[in-house]
Protein backbone atom coordinates (compact mmCIF):
# COMPACT_ATOMS: atom_id res chain seq x y z
CA MET A 1 -51.49 89.83 3.74
CA ARG A 2 -53.30 87.20 1.38
CA ILE A 3 -52.55 83.80 1.51
CA PHE A 4 -52.89 81.44 -0.70
CA PRO A 5 -53.98 78.04 0.24
CA GLY A 6 -52.28 76.44 -2.29
CA LEU A 7 -48.62 78.09 -1.28
CA LEU A 8 -49.19 77.58 2.37
CA ALA A 9 -49.62 73.68 2.10
CA ALA A 10 -46.48 73.50 -0.16
CA ALA A 11 -44.50 75.42 2.62
CA ILE A 12 -45.50 73.16 4.98
CA LEU A 13 -44.79 70.05 3.21
CA ALA A 14 -41.02 71.44 2.31
CA GLY A 15 -40.53 71.87 6.09
CA CYS A 16 -41.50 68.18 7.11
CA ASN A 17 -38.79 66.82 4.58
CA GLN A 18 -36.27 69.17 6.00
CA ALA A 19 -36.99 68.15 9.50
CA ALA A 20 -37.20 64.24 8.33
CA GLU A 21 -33.67 64.19 6.56
CA LYS A 22 -31.00 63.03 8.98
CA PRO A 23 -27.25 64.98 8.63
CA ALA A 24 -24.33 62.91 7.49
CA VAL A 25 -22.19 61.09 9.59
CA PRO A 26 -19.06 62.64 8.85
CA PRO A 27 -15.83 60.23 8.11
CA PRO A 28 -13.37 58.30 10.73
CA ARG A 29 -10.38 60.75 11.62
CA VAL A 30 -7.21 59.82 12.08
CA ASP A 31 -4.67 60.74 15.28
CA ARG A 32 -1.40 59.24 14.69
CA ASN A 33 -1.98 55.29 15.33
CA ALA A 34 -5.61 55.72 16.63
CA VAL A 35 -8.43 55.51 14.21
CA ILE A 36 -11.83 57.54 16.02
CA PHE A 37 -14.94 56.75 14.70
CA GLU A 38 -18.56 59.28 15.34
CA PRO A 39 -21.15 57.39 17.69
CA ALA A 40 -23.41 57.09 14.93
CA SER A 41 -20.73 55.47 12.50
CA PRO A 42 -22.21 52.45 10.98
CA GLN A 43 -18.73 50.88 10.89
CA LEU A 44 -18.74 50.48 14.47
CA GLY A 45 -21.38 47.68 13.47
CA SER A 46 -18.44 45.45 11.90
CA ILE A 47 -16.36 46.20 14.78
CA ARG A 48 -15.70 43.32 17.48
CA THR A 49 -14.14 43.29 20.32
CA ALA A 50 -12.85 40.85 23.21
CA SER A 51 -10.73 41.18 26.19
CA ALA A 52 -7.28 40.53 26.92
CA GLU A 53 -7.34 37.33 29.67
CA PRO A 54 -3.65 36.68 31.99
CA GLN A 55 -2.04 33.59 30.85
CA ARG A 56 -3.71 30.60 31.79
CA GLU A 57 -1.66 27.15 31.72
CA ALA A 58 -0.90 26.57 28.30
CA VAL A 59 -0.62 23.64 26.24
CA LEU A 60 2.20 23.05 23.38
CA ARG A 61 1.56 20.23 20.93
CA PHE A 62 4.92 19.45 18.53
CA ASN A 63 5.11 16.61 16.07
CA GLY A 64 7.61 14.19 15.92
CA ARG A 65 8.57 10.65 15.03
CA LEU A 66 10.55 7.78 17.76
CA VAL A 67 14.28 6.76 16.84
CA TRP A 68 16.97 4.16 18.32
CA ASP A 69 18.53 5.49 22.05
CA GLU A 70 21.74 6.13 19.68
CA ASP A 71 23.25 6.12 23.31
CA ARG A 72 22.54 2.57 23.47
CA THR A 73 22.47 1.21 19.55
CA ALA A 74 25.06 -0.08 17.50
CA ARG A 75 25.87 0.37 13.63
CA VAL A 76 28.03 -2.27 12.62
CA TYR A 77 30.15 -2.19 9.28
CA THR A 78 33.07 -4.05 7.69
CA PRO A 79 36.25 -2.57 7.25
CA PHE A 80 36.60 -4.83 4.48
CA ALA A 81 35.70 -6.27 0.88
CA GLY A 82 34.43 -9.68 0.80
CA LYS A 83 32.39 -12.32 0.69
CA VAL A 84 28.94 -13.40 3.43
CA LEU A 85 30.18 -17.33 4.92
CA SER A 86 27.81 -17.36 7.18
CA ILE A 87 25.28 -15.29 8.98
CA ALA A 88 24.82 -16.12 12.90
CA ALA A 89 22.41 -13.52 14.08
CA ARG A 90 19.00 -12.23 12.95
CA PRO A 91 16.85 -9.64 13.74
CA GLY A 92 14.65 -10.11 16.78
CA ASP A 93 18.06 -11.98 18.45
CA LYS A 94 19.54 -11.11 21.39
CA VAL A 95 23.08 -10.39 21.66
CA LYS A 96 25.83 -9.92 23.88
CA ALA A 97 29.40 -7.83 23.54
CA GLY A 98 31.64 -9.89 21.53
CA GLN A 99 29.16 -12.59 20.13
CA VAL A 100 29.21 -13.33 16.83
CA LEU A 101 27.24 -11.73 13.65
CA ALA A 102 28.10 -13.46 10.46
CA VAL A 103 31.65 -14.14 8.87
CA LEU A 104 33.10 -12.75 5.56
CA SER A 105 35.93 -13.99 3.78
CA ALA A 106 37.95 -10.41 3.00
CA PRO A 107 40.93 -11.07 1.02
CA GLU A 108 42.36 -7.84 2.49
CA LEU A 109 42.41 -9.22 5.67
CA GLY A 110 44.19 -12.36 4.74
CA SER A 111 46.58 -9.75 3.38
CA ALA A 112 47.09 -7.94 6.61
CA GLN A 113 47.44 -11.71 8.41
CA ALA A 114 50.18 -12.75 6.20
CA GLU A 115 52.10 -9.58 6.49
CA ALA A 116 51.54 -10.37 10.41
CA ARG A 117 53.15 -13.55 10.22
CA LYS A 118 56.06 -12.40 7.90
CA ALA A 119 56.86 -9.74 10.45
CA GLU A 120 57.13 -12.86 13.48
CA GLN A 121 59.02 -14.41 11.20
CA ASP A 122 61.10 -11.61 10.76
CA PHE A 123 61.58 -10.49 14.33
CA LEU A 124 62.14 -13.94 15.52
CA LEU A 125 65.26 -14.55 12.72
CA ALA A 126 66.52 -10.94 13.64
CA GLN A 127 66.70 -11.99 17.17
CA LYS A 128 67.98 -14.98 16.50
CA ASN A 129 71.26 -13.09 14.38
CA ARG A 130 71.66 -10.56 17.05
CA ALA A 131 71.97 -13.37 19.36
CA ARG A 132 74.57 -14.98 17.34
CA ILE A 133 76.41 -12.25 16.43
CA GLU A 134 76.91 -11.48 20.76
CA GLU A 135 78.50 -14.12 20.97
CA LEU A 136 80.59 -13.88 18.38
CA GLN A 137 81.74 -10.82 19.22
CA ALA A 138 82.16 -11.75 22.84
CA ALA A 139 84.62 -14.49 21.54
CA GLY A 140 86.23 -11.24 20.04
CA VAL A 141 85.34 -12.47 16.36
CA ALA A 142 83.05 -10.18 15.36
CA PRO A 143 83.38 -6.20 15.27
CA ALA A 144 80.94 -3.56 17.69
CA LYS A 145 79.30 -2.32 14.30
CA ASP A 146 78.00 -5.45 13.32
CA LEU A 147 76.33 -6.08 16.82
CA GLN A 148 74.87 -2.28 16.86
CA ALA A 149 73.33 -3.47 13.00
CA ALA A 150 71.95 -6.48 14.44
CA GLN A 151 70.41 -4.55 17.32
CA ALA A 152 69.13 -2.38 15.20
CA GLU A 153 67.51 -5.08 12.31
CA GLU A 154 65.97 -6.17 15.69
CA ALA A 155 64.21 -3.49 17.12
CA ARG A 156 63.24 -2.37 13.25
CA ALA A 157 61.60 -6.12 13.17
CA ALA A 158 60.46 -5.91 16.67
CA SER A 159 58.32 -2.73 15.84
CA GLU A 160 57.42 -4.08 12.57
CA ARG A 161 55.38 -7.17 14.29
CA ALA A 162 53.80 -4.94 16.60
CA ARG A 163 52.51 -2.54 13.99
CA THR A 164 51.11 -5.67 11.94
CA GLN A 165 49.85 -7.19 15.28
CA ALA A 166 48.40 -3.95 16.61
CA ARG A 167 46.41 -3.87 13.29
CA LEU A 168 45.05 -7.37 13.37
CA ARG A 169 43.77 -6.99 16.52
CA ALA A 170 41.67 -4.07 16.09
CA TYR A 171 39.76 -6.24 13.45
CA GLY A 172 39.48 -8.70 16.13
CA SER A 173 41.97 -11.53 13.87
CA ALA A 174 44.30 -13.79 15.75
CA ALA A 175 47.78 -13.37 13.91
CA ALA A 176 48.62 -16.70 14.30
CA ASP A 177 45.79 -17.19 11.65
CA VAL A 178 46.02 -17.14 7.93
CA ASN A 179 42.22 -17.65 6.84
CA GLN A 180 40.95 -14.55 5.32
CA ALA A 181 38.30 -15.09 7.72
CA PHE A 182 36.84 -11.82 9.25
CA VAL A 183 34.07 -11.97 11.97
CA LEU A 184 31.64 -8.88 12.79
CA ARG A 185 30.90 -9.40 16.09
CA SER A 186 28.18 -7.11 18.04
CA PRO A 187 30.32 -4.34 20.25
CA LEU A 188 27.16 -4.16 22.83
CA SER A 189 24.75 -6.37 24.60
CA GLY A 190 21.54 -5.75 23.01
CA VAL A 191 18.89 -6.89 20.62
CA VAL A 192 18.88 -7.35 16.34
CA VAL A 193 16.34 -4.62 15.04
CA GLU A 194 18.48 -4.00 12.19
CA ARG A 195 19.81 -6.56 9.48
CA GLN A 196 21.07 -5.87 5.68
CA LEU A 197 22.95 -8.47 5.15
CA ASN A 198 22.58 -11.60 3.26
CA PRO A 199 23.79 -15.12 2.50
CA SER A 200 26.98 -15.20 0.00
CA GLN A 201 26.31 -11.01 -0.55
CA GLU A 202 29.26 -9.85 -1.68
CA LEU A 203 30.54 -6.18 0.61
CA ARG A 204 32.38 -3.59 -0.11
CA PRO A 205 32.76 -0.48 2.53
CA ASP A 206 32.50 2.21 -0.03
CA ALA A 207 28.86 0.55 -0.43
CA ALA A 208 27.65 -0.61 3.21
CA PRO A 209 24.21 0.13 3.79
CA GLN A 210 23.70 3.50 4.78
CA GLY A 211 22.57 2.68 8.97
CA GLY A 212 24.84 -0.48 8.82
CA ILE A 213 25.14 -4.53 8.07
CA PHE A 214 23.31 -4.90 11.30
CA VAL A 215 21.97 -2.42 13.92
CA ILE A 216 21.84 -3.13 17.91
CA SER A 217 20.04 -1.59 20.12
CA ASP A 218 18.05 -1.62 23.49
CA PRO A 219 14.04 -1.12 22.32
CA SER A 220 13.68 -1.08 25.63
CA ARG A 221 14.56 2.52 25.31
CA LEU A 222 13.71 5.34 22.42
CA TRP A 223 14.13 8.96 21.88
CA PHE A 224 11.65 11.29 20.46
CA VAL A 225 12.44 14.25 18.50
CA LEU A 226 10.06 16.63 18.21
CA ASP A 227 10.27 19.58 15.45
CA LEU A 228 9.72 23.02 17.47
CA SER A 229 9.52 26.96 15.73
CA ASP A 230 11.65 28.92 16.92
CA LYS A 231 8.65 31.32 19.16
CA ASP A 232 8.05 28.08 21.11
CA LEU A 233 11.70 27.61 22.27
CA GLY A 234 11.58 29.84 25.47
CA ALA A 235 8.61 27.18 26.41
CA VAL A 236 10.90 24.54 26.01
CA ARG A 237 14.21 22.78 28.11
CA PRO A 238 16.21 19.54 29.42
CA GLY A 239 14.33 18.52 31.81
CA ILE A 240 10.78 19.19 30.81
CA GLU A 241 8.27 16.25 31.08
CA VAL A 242 6.46 15.63 27.76
CA SER A 243 3.25 13.39 27.30
CA LEU A 244 3.31 11.92 23.76
CA SER A 245 1.17 10.13 21.74
CA THR A 246 0.48 7.43 18.69
CA ALA A 247 -2.04 5.90 16.78
CA ALA A 248 -0.54 2.38 18.31
CA LEU A 249 -1.54 3.54 21.55
CA GLY A 250 -4.90 5.53 21.16
CA ASP A 251 -5.79 7.07 23.79
CA GLU A 252 -3.49 6.03 26.18
CA ARG A 253 -0.54 8.64 26.44
CA VAL A 254 2.97 7.89 27.88
CA ALA A 255 5.42 10.09 29.32
CA GLY A 256 9.23 11.03 28.56
CA ARG A 257 11.81 13.89 29.22
CA ILE A 258 13.33 16.22 27.23
CA THR A 259 17.38 15.37 27.39
CA HIS A 260 18.60 17.80 24.62
CA VAL A 261 17.81 21.09 22.71
CA ALA A 262 19.29 21.20 19.36
CA ASP A 263 21.29 24.58 18.88
CA VAL A 264 20.81 25.21 15.19
CA VAL A 265 17.87 25.23 12.97
CA ASP A 266 17.07 22.63 10.40
CA PRO A 267 17.67 24.18 7.37
CA GLN A 268 14.85 22.01 5.47
CA THR A 269 12.22 22.71 7.99
CA ARG A 270 13.42 25.55 9.66
CA THR A 271 12.53 23.81 12.90
CA ILE A 272 14.68 23.16 15.94
CA LYS A 273 15.03 19.74 17.04
CA VAL A 274 14.18 18.47 20.53
CA ARG A 275 15.12 15.15 22.08
CA GLY A 276 14.09 13.72 24.40
CA THR A 277 14.00 9.35 26.11
CA LEU A 278 11.31 7.26 26.25
CA ALA A 279 10.99 4.29 28.53
CA ASN A 280 9.50 0.94 26.40
CA ALA A 281 9.66 -1.70 28.53
CA GLU A 282 6.53 -3.43 26.75
CA ARG A 283 7.99 -3.20 23.32
CA ARG A 284 4.72 -1.54 22.55
CA LEU A 285 5.98 1.46 20.42
CA LYS A 286 8.16 1.01 17.61
CA ALA A 287 11.48 3.33 15.88
CA GLU A 288 10.18 5.63 13.23
CA MET A 289 6.48 5.86 14.62
CA PHE A 290 5.06 9.51 14.04
CA VAL A 291 4.05 10.95 17.78
CA THR A 292 2.51 14.09 19.06
CA GLY A 293 4.07 15.48 21.98
CA GLU A 294 2.34 17.85 24.14
CA ILE A 295 3.97 20.34 27.08
CA ARG A 296 2.14 22.19 29.65
CA VAL A 297 3.80 25.25 30.39
CA PRO A 298 2.31 26.90 33.55
CA ALA A 299 0.70 30.52 33.96
CA GLY A 300 3.00 32.72 33.73
CA ILE A 301 3.65 37.01 32.38
CA GLY A 302 1.66 37.86 29.65
CA LEU A 303 -1.81 38.17 28.43
CA LEU A 304 -3.82 36.17 26.19
CA VAL A 305 -5.68 37.08 23.27
CA PRO A 306 -7.47 35.20 20.56
CA GLY A 307 -5.23 34.85 17.60
CA LYS A 308 -7.37 36.41 15.00
CA ALA A 309 -6.75 39.85 16.74
CA VAL A 310 -3.16 39.59 15.72
CA TYR A 311 -2.06 40.48 12.45
CA LEU A 312 1.28 40.97 11.12
CA ARG A 313 2.91 44.23 8.94
CA GLY A 314 6.34 43.63 7.62
CA GLU A 315 8.17 42.23 10.53
CA GLN A 316 6.29 43.66 13.35
CA TYR A 317 2.75 42.38 14.67
CA PHE A 318 0.53 44.49 15.89
CA VAL A 319 -3.51 44.35 17.18
CA PHE A 320 -5.74 46.82 17.39
CA VAL A 321 -7.32 48.41 21.30
CA ASP A 322 -10.71 49.74 22.06
CA ALA A 323 -9.77 53.00 24.03
CA GLY A 324 -13.70 54.06 24.17
CA ASN A 325 -15.70 56.60 22.82
CA GLY A 326 -15.21 55.05 19.02
CA ARG A 327 -11.21 55.42 19.22
CA PHE A 328 -9.21 52.48 18.13
CA GLU A 329 -5.49 52.40 19.23
CA ARG A 330 -2.85 50.15 16.58
CA ARG A 331 -0.08 48.86 19.06
CA ALA A 332 3.01 47.09 18.65
CA VAL A 333 3.42 44.10 20.57
CA ARG A 334 5.75 41.23 21.07
CA LEU A 335 4.46 37.61 20.88
CA GLY A 336 5.19 34.69 22.92
CA ALA A 337 4.32 30.80 22.35
CA ALA A 338 0.98 30.52 20.86
CA SER A 339 -1.36 27.91 22.79
CA ASN A 340 -4.87 26.65 21.56
CA GLY A 341 -5.86 29.21 19.28
CA ASP A 342 -4.94 32.25 21.66
CA SER A 343 -1.64 34.60 21.19
CA LEU A 344 0.33 35.15 24.32
CA ILE A 345 0.92 38.77 24.18
CA LEU A 346 4.28 39.60 25.86
CA GLU A 347 4.49 43.96 25.89
CA GLY A 348 2.07 46.01 23.91
CA ILE A 349 -1.14 45.82 26.34
CA GLY A 350 -2.29 45.80 29.22
CA ALA A 351 -4.53 43.95 31.56
CA LYS A 352 -7.62 45.31 31.23
CA ASP A 353 -7.50 46.32 27.36
CA LYS A 354 -9.91 44.90 24.57
CA VAL A 355 -8.75 44.04 21.45
CA VAL A 356 -10.76 44.38 17.83
CA THR A 357 -11.26 40.15 16.76
CA GLU A 358 -12.88 41.64 13.80
CA GLY A 359 -12.12 44.58 11.67
CA SER A 360 -9.12 45.03 12.09
CA LEU A 361 -8.40 45.16 8.05
CA LEU A 362 -10.90 48.28 8.12
CA LEU A 363 -9.04 50.09 10.57
CA GLU A 364 -5.55 49.08 9.14
CA GLY A 365 -7.48 50.96 5.67
CA VAL A 366 -8.45 53.84 7.40
CA LEU A 367 -5.16 54.72 9.20
CA ALA A 368 -3.60 53.56 5.57
CA SER A 369 -5.24 55.81 3.45
CA LYS A 370 -5.22 58.87 5.91
CA GLY A 371 -1.69 58.03 6.58
């Protein structure tokens, strides 16, 4: 058989081209909640993984502020409308329980004093009348019913006298005086930390400053209030020590202790208020300072993975786990408290699993397209 040289060269060239072409890589497959790639798939190059690690000691950070210790704080208001006659205490002054803070001219108090004075006079008159009728009744001149009426009137007058005197005692005023002078006194020993009062100022109970006319407190002891998210609540309980920092102290930190965890979520911030006590003997810390609190959580159950490995789908958190041989499984997980950019997984993965840190969006897209 005669072979033409041109045809032979064309056949050889065609065979070489076919040998040089690589077969196409099949697209990834889906097996329920898993995505499977062929070993030569170029998409594998865009997927990165990291090993889950046992939980280490975690440091949780929360923002908050300092406030007065309300167990050692009194906010003084006036129960009467009146005009300021004198002021006896200034911010920074140390005061004792019962010490005079200010004096007001209160017409309403004057009316109460006059009422008490009248009740005293009525009682004395009723007392004398009863004694007189007792003598007349003993002499047979006055009937028994007159004595009974006098005794009833004396009892009524005694009751009214007791009521008016008790009212004055509640306001710290003496029944013998009718001077309209209402004396504001400190209910406890401490320091005047706030004063919302000026000379000759007119005061009304319904228009009093929100925080009180005077605030008496003990600045050597403060409260701190921290804002927690609900996912961190499991790591916090009364008695735990908190390390606090503020701009005023620079790198120095002070220790406080949690005393109370609120039972309600703040509807505005959606956080939970945690309160604790803080010693402030040198008074370098001030109420309303912003602070950052750190709580160290000992190592416990669960595994730590990079935070970017976890994603939210609907109301459920997921991760993808590298099962080997190009297989990546999507698993639902339950999270604990986050720390330093890591997520704590309490359920859903094992200690030897590798989770996808880059490429979860690709894998989720494959599952969605084949679902």
